C-alpha atoms as a PDB file:
ATOM      1  CA  UNK A   1     -25.246 -42.892 -77.459  1.00  0.00           C
ATOM      2  CA  UNK A   2     -23.056 -44.550 -80.081  1.00  0.00           C
ATOM      3  CA  UNK A   3     -22.671 -48.302 -79.734  1.00  0.00           C
ATOM      4  CA  UNK A   4     -20.664 -50.873 -81.621  1.00  0.00           C
ATOM      5  CA  UNK A   5     -21.594 -54.480 -82.106  1.00  0.00           C
ATOM      6  CA  UNK A   6     -18.722 -56.907 -81.627  1.00  0.00           C
ATOM      7  CA  UNK A   7     -18.420 -60.653 -81.804  1.00  0.00           C
ATOM      8  CA  UNK A   8     -16.064 -62.371 -79.398  1.00  0.00           C
ATOM      9  CA  UNK A   9     -15.561 -65.887 -78.149  1.00  0.00           C
ATOM     10  CA  UNK A  10     -15.219 -65.881 -74.379  1.00  0.00           C
ATOM     11  CA  UNK A  11     -14.197 -69.098 -72.665  1.00  0.00           C
ATOM     12  CA  UNK A  12     -15.240 -71.007 -75.771  1.00  0.00           C
ATOM     13  CA  UNK A  13     -18.672 -69.392 -76.043  1.00  0.00           C
ATOM     14  CA  UNK A  14     -19.430 -67.095 -79.005  1.00  0.00           C
ATOM     15  CA  UNK A  15     -20.985 -63.782 -77.974  1.00  0.00           C
ATOM     16  CA  UNK A  16     -22.384 -60.827 -79.889  1.00  0.00           C
ATOM     17  CA  UNK A  17     -22.477 -57.701 -77.748  1.00  0.00           C
ATOM     18  CA  UNK A  18     -23.377 -54.048 -78.289  1.00  0.00           C
ATOM     19  CA  UNK A  19     -20.961 -51.795 -76.410  1.00  0.00           C
ATOM     20  CA  UNK A  20     -20.009 -48.122 -76.186  1.00  0.00           C
ATOM     21  CA  UNK A  21     -16.705 -47.312 -77.931  1.00  0.00           C
ATOM     22  CA  UNK A  22     -14.982 -46.340 -74.671  1.00  0.00           C
ATOM     23  CA  UNK A  23     -15.704 -49.606 -72.823  1.00  0.00           C
ATOM     24  CA  UNK A  24     -12.624 -51.560 -71.764  1.00  0.00           C
ATOM     25  CA  UNK A  25     -12.359 -55.305 -72.059  1.00  0.00           C
ATOM     26  CA  UNK A  26     -12.303 -55.448 -68.253  1.00  0.00           C
ATOM     27  CA  UNK A  27     -15.673 -53.665 -68.017  1.00  0.00           C
ATOM     28  CA  UNK A  28     -17.104 -55.832 -70.795  1.00  0.00           C
ATOM     29  CA  UNK A  29     -16.160 -58.994 -68.929  1.00  0.00           C
ATOM     30  CA  UNK A  30     -17.275 -57.843 -65.494  1.00  0.00           C
ATOM     31  CA  UNK A  31     -20.310 -55.684 -66.269  1.00  0.00           C
ATOM     32  CA  UNK A  32     -21.732 -57.083 -69.507  1.00  0.00           C
ATOM     33  CA  UNK A  33     -20.842 -60.763 -69.156  1.00  0.00           C
ATOM     34  CA  UNK A  34     -20.822 -61.082 -65.325  1.00  0.00           C
ATOM     35  CA  UNK A  35     -17.370 -62.717 -65.390  1.00  0.00           C
ATOM     36  CA  UNK A  36     -16.156 -61.183 -62.158  1.00  0.00           C
ATOM     37  CA  UNK A  37     -13.114 -63.396 -61.681  1.00  0.00           C
ATOM     38  CA  UNK A  38     -11.140 -60.822 -63.641  1.00  0.00           C
ATOM     39  CA  UNK A  39     -10.333 -58.160 -61.040  1.00  0.00           C
ATOM     40  CA  UNK A  40     -10.101 -54.376 -61.313  1.00  0.00           C
ATOM     41  CA  UNK A  41      -7.000 -53.644 -59.280  1.00  0.00           C
ATOM     42  CA  UNK A  42      -5.462 -50.430 -60.564  1.00  0.00           C
ATOM     43  CA  UNK A  43      -7.182 -49.603 -63.891  1.00  0.00           C
ATOM     44  CA  UNK A  44      -3.758 -48.480 -65.133  1.00  0.00           C
ATOM     45  CA  UNK A  45      -2.105 -51.672 -66.378  1.00  0.00           C
ATOM     46  CA  UNK A  46       0.250 -51.909 -63.405  1.00  0.00           C
ATOM     47  CA  UNK A  47      -1.004 -54.704 -61.148  1.00  0.00           C
ATOM     48  CA  UNK A  48      -2.001 -57.582 -63.444  1.00  0.00           C
ATOM     49  CA  UNK A  49      -5.165 -58.482 -61.514  1.00  0.00           C
ATOM     50  CA  UNK A  50      -7.180 -58.060 -64.726  1.00  0.00           C
ATOM     51  CA  UNK A  51      -4.987 -60.295 -66.906  1.00  0.00           C
ATOM     52  CA  UNK A  52      -6.831 -62.405 -69.483  1.00  0.00           C
ATOM     53  CA  UNK A  53      -5.744 -64.289 -72.571  1.00  0.00           C
ATOM     54  CA  UNK A  54      -6.530 -62.399 -75.767  1.00  0.00           C
ATOM     55  CA  UNK A  55      -5.913 -64.645 -78.763  1.00  0.00           C
ATOM     56  CA  UNK A  56      -3.610 -66.712 -76.555  1.00  0.00           C
ATOM     57  CA  UNK A  57      -1.552 -63.814 -75.211  1.00  0.00           C
ATOM     58  CA  UNK A  58      -1.812 -62.397 -71.677  1.00  0.00           C
ATOM     59  CA  UNK A  59      -3.047 -58.785 -71.624  1.00  0.00           C
ATOM     60  CA  UNK A  60      -4.155 -56.322 -68.984  1.00  0.00           C
ATOM     61  CA  UNK A  61      -7.845 -56.106 -69.837  1.00  0.00           C
ATOM     62  CA  UNK A  62      -8.090 -52.660 -68.224  1.00  0.00           C
ATOM     63  CA  UNK A  63      -5.871 -51.312 -71.003  1.00  0.00           C
ATOM     64  CA  UNK A  64      -7.670 -52.865 -73.983  1.00  0.00           C
ATOM     65  CA  UNK A  65     -10.742 -51.319 -75.551  1.00  0.00           C
ATOM     66  CA  UNK A  66     -13.453 -53.906 -76.039  1.00  0.00           C
ATOM     67  CA  UNK A  67     -14.024 -52.755 -79.643  1.00  0.00           C
ATOM     68  CA  UNK A  68     -10.451 -53.875 -80.388  1.00  0.00           C
ATOM     69  CA  UNK A  69     -11.490 -57.423 -79.507  1.00  0.00           C
ATOM     70  CA  UNK A  70     -13.969 -57.911 -82.343  1.00  0.00           C
ATOM     71  CA  UNK A  71     -13.404 -61.445 -83.631  1.00  0.00           C
ATOM     72  CA  UNK A  72     -11.055 -62.343 -80.770  1.00  0.00           C
ATOM     73  CA  UNK A  73     -10.751 -65.401 -78.558  1.00  0.00           C
ATOM     74  CA  UNK A  74     -10.720 -64.465 -74.865  1.00  0.00           C
ATOM     75  CA  UNK A  75     -10.028 -66.726 -71.901  1.00  0.00           C
ATOM     76  CA  UNK A  76     -10.697 -65.563 -68.361  1.00  0.00           C
ATOM     77  CA  UNK A  77      -9.954 -67.347 -65.109  1.00  0.00           C
ATOM     78  CA  UNK A  78     -13.464 -68.826 -65.296  1.00  0.00           C
ATOM     79  CA  UNK A  79     -12.462 -70.519 -68.558  1.00  0.00           C
ATOM     80  CA  UNK A  80      -9.441 -72.377 -67.172  1.00  0.00           C
ATOM     81  CA  UNK A  81     -11.364 -75.223 -65.546  1.00  0.00           C
ATOM     82  CA  UNK A  82     -12.769 -77.784 -67.985  1.00  0.00           C
ATOM     83  CA  UNK A  83     -15.575 -80.256 -67.322  1.00  0.00           C
ATOM     84  CA  UNK A  84     -15.584 -79.388 -63.594  1.00  0.00           C
ATOM     85  CA  UNK A  85     -11.849 -80.191 -63.366  1.00  0.00           C
ATOM     86  CA  UNK A  86      -9.446 -77.499 -62.299  1.00  0.00           C
ATOM     87  CA  UNK A  87      -6.706 -76.520 -64.704  1.00  0.00           C
ATOM     88  CA  UNK A  88      -3.293 -77.774 -63.540  1.00  0.00           C
ATOM     89  CA  UNK A  89      -2.253 -74.204 -62.600  1.00  0.00           C
ATOM     90  CA  UNK A  90      -5.379 -73.821 -60.479  1.00  0.00           C
ATOM     91  CA  UNK A  91      -4.791 -77.106 -58.666  1.00  0.00           C
ATOM     92  CA  UNK A  92      -1.084 -76.389 -58.226  1.00  0.00           C
ATOM     93  CA  UNK A  93      -1.625 -72.970 -56.658  1.00  0.00           C
ATOM     94  CA  UNK A  94      -3.942 -74.608 -54.134  1.00  0.00           C
ATOM     95  CA  UNK A  95      -1.544 -77.485 -53.478  1.00  0.00           C
ATOM     96  CA  UNK A  96       1.464 -75.165 -53.079  1.00  0.00           C
ATOM     97  CA  UNK A  97      -0.400 -72.756 -50.786  1.00  0.00           C
ATOM     98  CA  UNK A  98       0.096 -69.891 -53.245  1.00  0.00           C
ATOM     99  CA  UNK A  99      -3.139 -68.109 -52.344  1.00  0.00           C
ATOM    100  CA  UNK A 100      -3.723 -65.774 -49.455  1.00  0.00           C
ATOM    101  CA  UNK A 101      -6.212 -62.966 -50.024  1.00  0.00           C
ATOM    102  CA  UNK A 102      -6.792 -64.179 -53.597  1.00  0.00           C
ATOM    103  CA  UNK A 103      -7.240 -60.805 -55.294  1.00  0.00           C
ATOM    104  CA  UNK A 104      -4.202 -61.257 -57.551  1.00  0.00           C
ATOM    105  CA  UNK A 105      -4.789 -64.959 -58.125  1.00  0.00           C
ATOM    106  CA  UNK A 106      -6.881 -64.774 -61.334  1.00  0.00           C
ATOM    107  CA  UNK A 107      -4.228 -62.718 -63.118  1.00  0.00           C
ATOM    108  CA  UNK A 108      -1.433 -64.923 -61.824  1.00  0.00           C
ATOM    109  CA  UNK A 109      -3.265 -68.043 -62.995  1.00  0.00           C
ATOM    110  CA  UNK A 110      -3.771 -66.601 -66.475  1.00  0.00           C
ATOM    111  CA  UNK A 111      -0.136 -65.438 -66.751  1.00  0.00           C
ATOM    112  CA  UNK A 112       1.053 -68.845 -65.529  1.00  0.00           C
ATOM    113  CA  UNK A 113      -1.163 -70.666 -68.009  1.00  0.00           C
ATOM    114  CA  UNK A 114       0.190 -68.490 -70.853  1.00  0.00           C
ATOM    115  CA  UNK A 115       3.754 -69.276 -69.783  1.00  0.00           C
ATOM    116  CA  UNK A 116       3.155 -73.018 -69.640  1.00  0.00           C
ATOM    117  CA  UNK A 117       1.360 -72.978 -72.983  1.00  0.00           C
ATOM    118  CA  UNK A 118       4.458 -71.533 -74.664  1.00  0.00           C
ATOM    119  CA  UNK A 119       7.100 -73.139 -72.418  1.00  0.00           C
ATOM    120  CA  UNK A 120       6.039 -76.345 -70.624  1.00  0.00           C
ATOM    121  CA  UNK A 121       9.403 -76.619 -68.838  1.00  0.00           C
ATOM    122  CA  UNK A 122      10.125 -73.114 -67.548  1.00  0.00           C
ATOM    123  CA  UNK A 123      13.107 -72.241 -65.403  1.00  0.00           C
ATOM    124  CA  UNK A 124      12.654 -70.197 -62.252  1.00  0.00           C
ATOM    125  CA  UNK A 125      13.854 -67.168 -64.214  1.00  0.00           C
ATOM    126  CA  UNK A 126      11.219 -67.863 -66.902  1.00  0.00           C
ATOM    127  CA  UNK A 127       8.511 -68.048 -64.230  1.00  0.00           C
ATOM    128  CA  UNK A 128       9.631 -64.848 -62.547  1.00  0.00           C
ATOM    129  CA  UNK A 129       9.730 -63.059 -65.903  1.00  0.00           C
ATOM    130  CA  UNK A 130       6.241 -64.293 -66.847  1.00  0.00           C
ATOM    131  CA  UNK A 131       4.836 -63.048 -63.531  1.00  0.00           C
ATOM    132  CA  UNK A 132       6.627 -59.683 -63.472  1.00  0.00           C
ATOM    133  CA  UNK A 133       3.398 -57.855 -64.368  1.00  0.00           C
ATOM    134  CA  UNK A 134       1.387 -59.495 -61.580  1.00  0.00           C
ATOM    135  CA  UNK A 135       1.635 -57.820 -58.207  1.00  0.00           C
ATOM    136  CA  UNK A 136       0.907 -59.791 -55.045  1.00  0.00           C
ATOM    137  CA  UNK A 137       0.953 -58.094 -51.680  1.00  0.00           C
ATOM    138  CA  UNK A 138       0.454 -61.201 -49.546  1.00  0.00           C
ATOM    139  CA  UNK A 139       2.410 -64.299 -50.546  1.00  0.00           C
ATOM    140  CA  UNK A 140       5.911 -63.073 -51.327  1.00  0.00           C
ATOM    141  CA  UNK A 141       5.841 -65.062 -54.601  1.00  0.00           C
ATOM    142  CA  UNK A 142       7.809 -68.117 -53.429  1.00  0.00           C
ATOM    143  CA  UNK A 143       4.738 -70.328 -53.180  1.00  0.00           C
ATOM    144  CA  UNK A 144       3.402 -68.949 -56.454  1.00  0.00           C
ATOM    145  CA  UNK A 145       6.659 -69.850 -58.206  1.00  0.00           C
ATOM    146  CA  UNK A 146       6.521 -73.292 -56.626  1.00  0.00           C
ATOM    147  CA  UNK A 147       2.933 -73.659 -57.884  1.00  0.00           C
ATOM    148  CA  UNK A 148       3.979 -72.913 -61.461  1.00  0.00           C
ATOM    149  CA  UNK A 149       6.787 -75.472 -61.174  1.00  0.00           C
ATOM    150  CA  UNK A 150       4.286 -78.003 -59.828  1.00  0.00           C
ATOM    151  CA  UNK A 151       1.833 -77.265 -62.642  1.00  0.00           C
ATOM    152  CA  UNK A 152       4.607 -77.689 -65.205  1.00  0.00           C
ATOM    153  CA  UNK A 153       5.029 -81.293 -64.053  1.00  0.00           C
ATOM    154  CA  UNK A 154       1.475 -82.094 -65.126  1.00  0.00           C
ATOM    155  CA  UNK A 155       1.503 -80.331 -68.527  1.00  0.00           C
END
């Protein structure tokens, strides 16, 4: 079997990993690095449950080949909290009651963090646009939008 060696920094930690050329970033994170916060929802880039930051930009990790990430900086939901303190988007989604089943939450947190990193004072329209690729079947989005607004107050 052909393998490629890649170097990535995941949640601030440099990693060198040998992977098959067909492995997706999602599989790399979940199967090789045991970072299971990133969810496999649809495996077709439609639901956003697998969203991670790749060099600061939100991407559906199910649609990215891991070999394309050689040299990249990757942040997963596990990398949001720092020094045992929740990221403001994590705390806000709890405070606003924006979590029900939780399956979509990691992708929503990552997309929200990316939005606030580029726009610390988003409008409701900005928030809705940033979350358009994240499907949630439980909350109806109102509490999620409120959570992003709440998080924006602490950025």
